[in-house]
Amino acid sequence: MGENFNENLKEARLKSGLSQKDLSENIGVAKSTYSLYESGKREPNVDTIKKIASALNVSADMLLGLETEPTTLAAHFDGEEYTESEMEEIKNFADFVRNRRK
């Protein structure tokens, strides 16, 4: 398995705000099985890694330690190209995207 998979997995789960129980239910494995992934005592198969990455909104490469830096998406608005109501809509959409992974 990739370098530090279990540590990367735990860190990504904590950042997402999901409990082990929530994530295990989301990916279709028993909580005890998922706990073994984080402890490094068991390794998930490729399909399960894909499910985990999707549920945590991270890449499989990041979980496997193949991606050294997380991908960052940033935008800068100086306030002139959007109306106040459009900016509010953009912020609401960002909140929606963030909350749907929970």
N, C-alpha and C. Protein backbone atom coordinates (compact mmCIF):
# COMPACT_ATOMS: atom_id res chain seq x y z
N MET A 1 0.87 -1.18 0.00
CA MET A 1 0.00 0.00 0.00
C MET A 1 0.90 1.22 0.00
N GLY A 2 0.34 2.33 -0.36
CA GLY A 2 1.11 3.57 -0.44
C GLY A 2 1.67 3.98 0.91
N GLU A 3 2.64 4.85 0.84
CA GLU A 3 3.30 5.34 2.04
C GLU A 3 2.32 6.10 2.93
N ASN A 4 2.25 5.68 4.20
CA ASN A 4 1.41 6.35 5.20
C ASN A 4 -0.08 6.35 4.87
N PHE A 5 -0.56 5.33 4.16
CA PHE A 5 -1.97 5.29 3.78
C PHE A 5 -2.88 5.47 4.98
N ASN A 6 -2.64 4.71 6.04
CA ASN A 6 -3.54 4.78 7.20
C ASN A 6 -3.55 6.17 7.83
N GLU A 7 -2.40 6.82 7.89
CA GLU A 7 -2.33 8.18 8.45
C GLU A 7 -3.02 9.19 7.54
N ASN A 8 -2.79 9.06 6.22
CA ASN A 8 -3.44 9.96 5.26
C ASN A 8 -4.95 9.79 5.31
N LEU A 9 -5.39 8.54 5.46
CA LEU A 9 -6.81 8.23 5.53
C LEU A 9 -7.44 8.90 6.75
N LYS A 10 -6.83 8.74 7.89
CA LYS A 10 -7.37 9.32 9.11
C LYS A 10 -7.41 10.84 9.01
N GLU A 11 -6.34 11.44 8.52
CA GLU A 11 -6.29 12.89 8.40
C GLU A 11 -7.39 13.41 7.47
N ALA A 12 -7.58 12.74 6.34
CA ALA A 12 -8.62 13.16 5.39
C ALA A 12 -10.01 13.00 6.00
N ARG A 13 -10.22 11.93 6.75
CA ARG A 13 -11.52 11.72 7.38
C ARG A 13 -11.81 12.80 8.42
N LEU A 14 -10.81 13.11 9.24
CA LEU A 14 -10.99 14.14 10.26
C LEU A 14 -11.27 15.50 9.63
N LYS A 15 -10.57 15.82 8.55
CA LYS A 15 -10.79 17.09 7.86
C LYS A 15 -12.20 17.17 7.29
N SER A 16 -12.74 16.02 6.90
CA SER A 16 -14.08 16.01 6.32
C SER A 16 -15.17 16.13 7.37
N GLY A 17 -14.80 15.89 8.64
CA GLY A 17 -15.78 15.96 9.72
C GLY A 17 -16.62 14.71 9.88
N LEU A 18 -16.23 13.63 9.23
CA LEU A 18 -16.98 12.38 9.33
C LEU A 18 -16.41 11.50 10.43
N SER A 19 -17.29 10.76 11.08
CA SER A 19 -16.84 9.77 12.05
C SER A 19 -16.47 8.49 11.29
N GLN A 20 -15.76 7.59 11.97
CA GLN A 20 -15.46 6.30 11.34
C GLN A 20 -16.75 5.58 10.97
N LYS A 21 -17.74 5.66 11.83
CA LYS A 21 -19.03 5.00 11.59
C LYS A 21 -19.70 5.57 10.34
N ASP A 22 -19.74 6.90 10.23
CA ASP A 22 -20.37 7.53 9.07
C ASP A 22 -19.67 7.13 7.78
N LEU A 23 -18.35 7.19 7.78
CA LEU A 23 -17.61 6.86 6.57
C LEU A 23 -17.74 5.38 6.23
N SER A 24 -17.68 4.52 7.22
CA SER A 24 -17.80 3.09 6.94
C SER A 24 -19.16 2.78 6.33
N GLU A 25 -20.22 3.41 6.83
CA GLU A 25 -21.55 3.20 6.26
C GLU A 25 -21.61 3.74 4.83
N ASN A 26 -20.98 4.87 4.59
CA ASN A 26 -20.97 5.50 3.28
C ASN A 26 -20.30 4.61 2.24
N ILE A 27 -19.23 3.93 2.62
CA ILE A 27 -18.48 3.10 1.65
C ILE A 27 -18.88 1.64 1.68
N GLY A 28 -19.78 1.26 2.60
CA GLY A 28 -20.32 -0.10 2.62
C GLY A 28 -19.44 -1.14 3.27
N VAL A 29 -18.72 -0.76 4.32
CA VAL A 29 -17.94 -1.74 5.08
C VAL A 29 -18.30 -1.61 6.56
N ALA A 30 -18.01 -2.64 7.31
CA ALA A 30 -18.26 -2.60 8.75
C ALA A 30 -17.33 -1.58 9.40
N LYS A 31 -17.79 -0.96 10.48
CA LYS A 31 -16.95 0.01 11.18
C LYS A 31 -15.66 -0.65 11.65
N SER A 32 -15.75 -1.89 12.10
CA SER A 32 -14.54 -2.59 12.57
C SER A 32 -13.53 -2.76 11.43
N THR A 33 -14.03 -3.02 10.23
CA THR A 33 -13.14 -3.15 9.07
C THR A 33 -12.48 -1.81 8.77
N TYR A 34 -13.29 -0.74 8.79
CA TYR A 34 -12.73 0.58 8.52
C TYR A 34 -11.69 0.95 9.58
N SER A 35 -11.95 0.64 10.83
CA SER A 35 -10.99 0.94 11.90
C SER A 35 -9.65 0.27 11.63
N LEU A 36 -9.70 -0.94 11.07
CA LEU A 36 -8.46 -1.64 10.74
C LEU A 36 -7.69 -0.92 9.63
N TYR A 37 -8.41 -0.28 8.71
CA TYR A 37 -7.73 0.50 7.66
C TYR A 37 -6.93 1.64 8.30
N GLU A 38 -7.56 2.36 9.23
CA GLU A 38 -6.88 3.50 9.86
C GLU A 38 -5.75 3.06 10.77
N SER A 39 -5.86 1.88 11.35
CA SER A 39 -4.80 1.40 12.24
C SER A 39 -3.63 0.79 11.45
N GLY A 40 -3.84 0.56 10.16
CA GLY A 40 -2.80 -0.03 9.33
C GLY A 40 -2.74 -1.54 9.40
N LYS A 41 -3.74 -2.15 10.04
CA LYS A 41 -3.75 -3.61 10.19
C LYS A 41 -4.45 -4.32 9.05
N ARG A 42 -5.10 -3.55 8.18
CA ARG A 42 -5.78 -4.11 7.02
C ARG A 42 -5.74 -3.08 5.91
N GLU A 43 -5.72 -3.56 4.65
CA GLU A 43 -5.68 -2.66 3.51
C GLU A 43 -6.92 -2.85 2.64
N PRO A 44 -7.55 -1.76 2.24
CA PRO A 44 -8.74 -1.88 1.39
C PRO A 44 -8.34 -2.23 -0.04
N ASN A 45 -9.30 -2.82 -0.79
CA ASN A 45 -9.03 -3.11 -2.19
C ASN A 45 -9.20 -1.84 -3.02
N VAL A 46 -8.90 -1.91 -4.29
CA VAL A 46 -8.92 -0.73 -5.16
C VAL A 46 -10.31 -0.10 -5.20
N ASP A 47 -11.36 -0.90 -5.33
CA ASP A 47 -12.72 -0.35 -5.38
C ASP A 47 -13.06 0.40 -4.10
N THR A 48 -12.64 -0.13 -2.97
CA THR A 48 -12.91 0.54 -1.69
C THR A 48 -12.12 1.83 -1.57
N ILE A 49 -10.89 1.84 -2.06
CA ILE A 49 -10.10 3.08 -2.05
C ILE A 49 -10.80 4.15 -2.89
N LYS A 50 -11.35 3.76 -4.03
CA LYS A 50 -12.09 4.71 -4.87
C LYS A 50 -13.29 5.27 -4.11
N LYS A 51 -14.02 4.40 -3.42
CA LYS A 51 -15.19 4.83 -2.65
C LYS A 51 -14.78 5.79 -1.53
N ILE A 52 -13.69 5.46 -0.84
CA ILE A 52 -13.19 6.31 0.25
C ILE A 52 -12.80 7.69 -0.30
N ALA A 53 -12.04 7.69 -1.39
CA ALA A 53 -11.59 8.96 -1.98
C ALA A 53 -12.78 9.81 -2.39
N SER A 54 -13.78 9.19 -2.99
CA SER A 54 -14.97 9.93 -3.40
C SER A 54 -15.73 10.48 -2.20
N ALA A 55 -15.91 9.66 -1.17
CA ALA A 55 -16.64 10.09 0.03
C ALA A 55 -15.93 11.22 0.75
N LEU A 56 -14.60 11.23 0.72
CA LEU A 56 -13.83 12.25 1.42
C LEU A 56 -13.45 13.43 0.53
N ASN A 57 -13.83 13.32 -0.76
CA ASN A 57 -13.54 14.38 -1.72
C ASN A 57 -12.04 14.66 -1.82
N VAL A 58 -11.27 13.58 -1.89
CA VAL A 58 -9.82 13.66 -2.08
C VAL A 58 -9.44 12.69 -3.19
N SER A 59 -8.23 12.75 -3.66
CA SER A 59 -7.78 11.81 -4.68
C SER A 59 -7.24 10.54 -4.03
N ALA A 60 -7.34 9.45 -4.76
CA ALA A 60 -6.74 8.20 -4.30
C ALA A 60 -5.23 8.37 -4.17
N ASP A 61 -4.64 9.16 -5.06
CA ASP A 61 -3.20 9.43 -4.99
C ASP A 61 -2.83 10.08 -3.67
N MET A 62 -3.66 11.00 -3.20
CA MET A 62 -3.39 11.66 -1.92
C MET A 62 -3.43 10.63 -0.79
N LEU A 63 -4.44 9.77 -0.80
CA LEU A 63 -4.55 8.75 0.25
C LEU A 63 -3.35 7.81 0.22
N LEU A 64 -2.89 7.48 -0.98
CA LEU A 64 -1.79 6.54 -1.14
C LEU A 64 -0.42 7.18 -0.94
N GLY A 65 -0.40 8.50 -0.74
CA GLY A 65 0.87 9.18 -0.53
C GLY A 65 1.63 9.45 -1.82
N LEU A 66 0.95 9.39 -2.96
CA LEU A 66 1.59 9.63 -4.25
C LEU A 66 1.53 11.10 -4.64
N GLU A 67 0.63 11.83 -4.04
CA GLU A 67 0.46 13.25 -4.31
C GLU A 67 1.08 14.01 -3.15
N THR A 68 2.10 14.79 -3.43
CA THR A 68 2.82 15.45 -2.34
C THR A 68 2.10 16.68 -1.80
N GLU A 69 1.43 17.41 -2.66
CA GLU A 69 0.73 18.62 -2.22
C GLU A 69 -0.75 18.47 -2.57
N PRO A 70 -1.63 18.81 -1.66
CA PRO A 70 -3.05 18.78 -2.01
C PRO A 70 -3.36 19.83 -3.07
N THR A 71 -4.30 19.50 -3.92
CA THR A 71 -4.73 20.43 -4.94
C THR A 71 -5.56 21.53 -4.30
N THR A 72 -5.24 22.76 -4.62
CA THR A 72 -5.97 23.90 -4.05
C THR A 72 -6.72 24.62 -5.15
N LEU A 73 -7.97 24.91 -4.87
CA LEU A 73 -8.78 25.70 -5.78
C LEU A 73 -9.05 27.03 -5.11
N ALA A 74 -8.68 28.10 -5.76
CA ALA A 74 -8.87 29.42 -5.16
C ALA A 74 -9.44 30.37 -6.20
N ALA A 75 -10.16 31.35 -5.72
CA ALA A 75 -10.70 32.37 -6.62
C ALA A 75 -10.59 33.71 -5.92
N HIS A 76 -10.38 34.73 -6.70
CA HIS A 76 -10.30 36.08 -6.15
C HIS A 76 -11.32 36.95 -6.88
N PHE A 77 -12.14 37.61 -6.09
CA PHE A 77 -13.12 38.53 -6.65
C PHE A 77 -12.88 39.88 -5.99
N ASP A 78 -12.74 40.91 -6.80
CA ASP A 78 -12.52 42.22 -6.21
C ASP A 78 -13.84 42.95 -5.95
N GLY A 79 -14.96 42.28 -6.24
CA GLY A 79 -16.25 42.84 -5.91
C GLY A 79 -16.89 43.65 -7.01
N GLU A 80 -16.20 43.90 -8.09
CA GLU A 80 -16.76 44.72 -9.15
C GLU A 80 -17.42 43.91 -10.25
N GLU A 81 -16.95 42.67 -10.46
CA GLU A 81 -17.50 41.90 -11.57
C GLU A 81 -18.79 41.16 -11.21
N TYR A 82 -19.17 41.13 -9.93
CA TYR A 82 -20.39 40.47 -9.50
C TYR A 82 -21.21 41.41 -8.61
N THR A 83 -22.53 41.27 -8.72
CA THR A 83 -23.39 42.05 -7.84
C THR A 83 -23.36 41.42 -6.45
N GLU A 84 -23.88 42.13 -5.48
CA GLU A 84 -23.91 41.61 -4.11
C GLU A 84 -24.73 40.32 -4.04
N SER A 85 -25.84 40.26 -4.74
CA SER A 85 -26.66 39.05 -4.71
C SER A 85 -25.96 37.89 -5.42
N GLU A 86 -25.19 38.17 -6.48
CA GLU A 86 -24.43 37.12 -7.16
C GLU A 86 -23.34 36.57 -6.24
N MET A 87 -22.66 37.46 -5.51
CA MET A 87 -21.63 37.02 -4.57
C MET A 87 -22.25 36.13 -3.49
N GLU A 88 -23.42 36.49 -3.01
CA GLU A 88 -24.11 35.69 -2.00
C GLU A 88 -24.44 34.31 -2.56
N GLU A 89 -24.86 34.25 -3.81
CA GLU A 89 -25.16 32.98 -4.47
C GLU A 89 -23.91 32.12 -4.60
N ILE A 90 -22.80 32.73 -4.95
CA ILE A 90 -21.52 32.02 -5.05
C ILE A 90 -21.12 31.44 -3.69
N LYS A 91 -21.25 32.23 -2.64
CA LYS A 91 -20.92 31.75 -1.29
C LYS A 91 -21.85 30.62 -0.88
N ASN A 92 -23.13 30.73 -1.20
CA ASN A 92 -24.10 29.67 -0.87
C ASN A 92 -23.75 28.37 -1.60
N PHE A 93 -23.34 28.50 -2.86
CA PHE A 93 -22.98 27.31 -3.61
C PHE A 93 -21.73 26.64 -3.02
N ALA A 94 -20.76 27.44 -2.62
CA ALA A 94 -19.55 26.89 -1.99
C ALA A 94 -19.92 26.15 -0.71
N ASP A 95 -20.82 26.72 0.08
CA ASP A 95 -21.29 26.04 1.30
C ASP A 95 -21.99 24.74 0.97
N PHE A 96 -22.81 24.76 -0.08
CA PHE A 96 -23.52 23.55 -0.51
C PHE A 96 -22.53 22.44 -0.86
N VAL A 97 -21.53 22.78 -1.66
CA VAL A 97 -20.53 21.78 -2.07
C VAL A 97 -19.80 21.22 -0.85
N ARG A 98 -19.43 22.09 0.08
CA ARG A 98 -18.73 21.65 1.29
C ARG A 98 -19.61 20.74 2.14
N ASN A 99 -20.87 21.06 2.27
CA ASN A 99 -21.78 20.32 3.15
C ASN A 99 -22.26 19.00 2.56
N ARG A 100 -22.24 18.85 1.25
CA ARG A 100 -22.77 17.60 0.68
C ARG A 100 -21.87 16.41 0.94
N ARG A 101 -20.61 16.65 1.34
CA ARG A 101 -19.75 15.52 1.66
C ARG A 101 -19.98 15.00 3.06
N LYS A 102 -20.77 15.67 3.84
CA LYS A 102 -21.06 15.24 5.21
C LYS A 102 -22.23 14.29 5.26
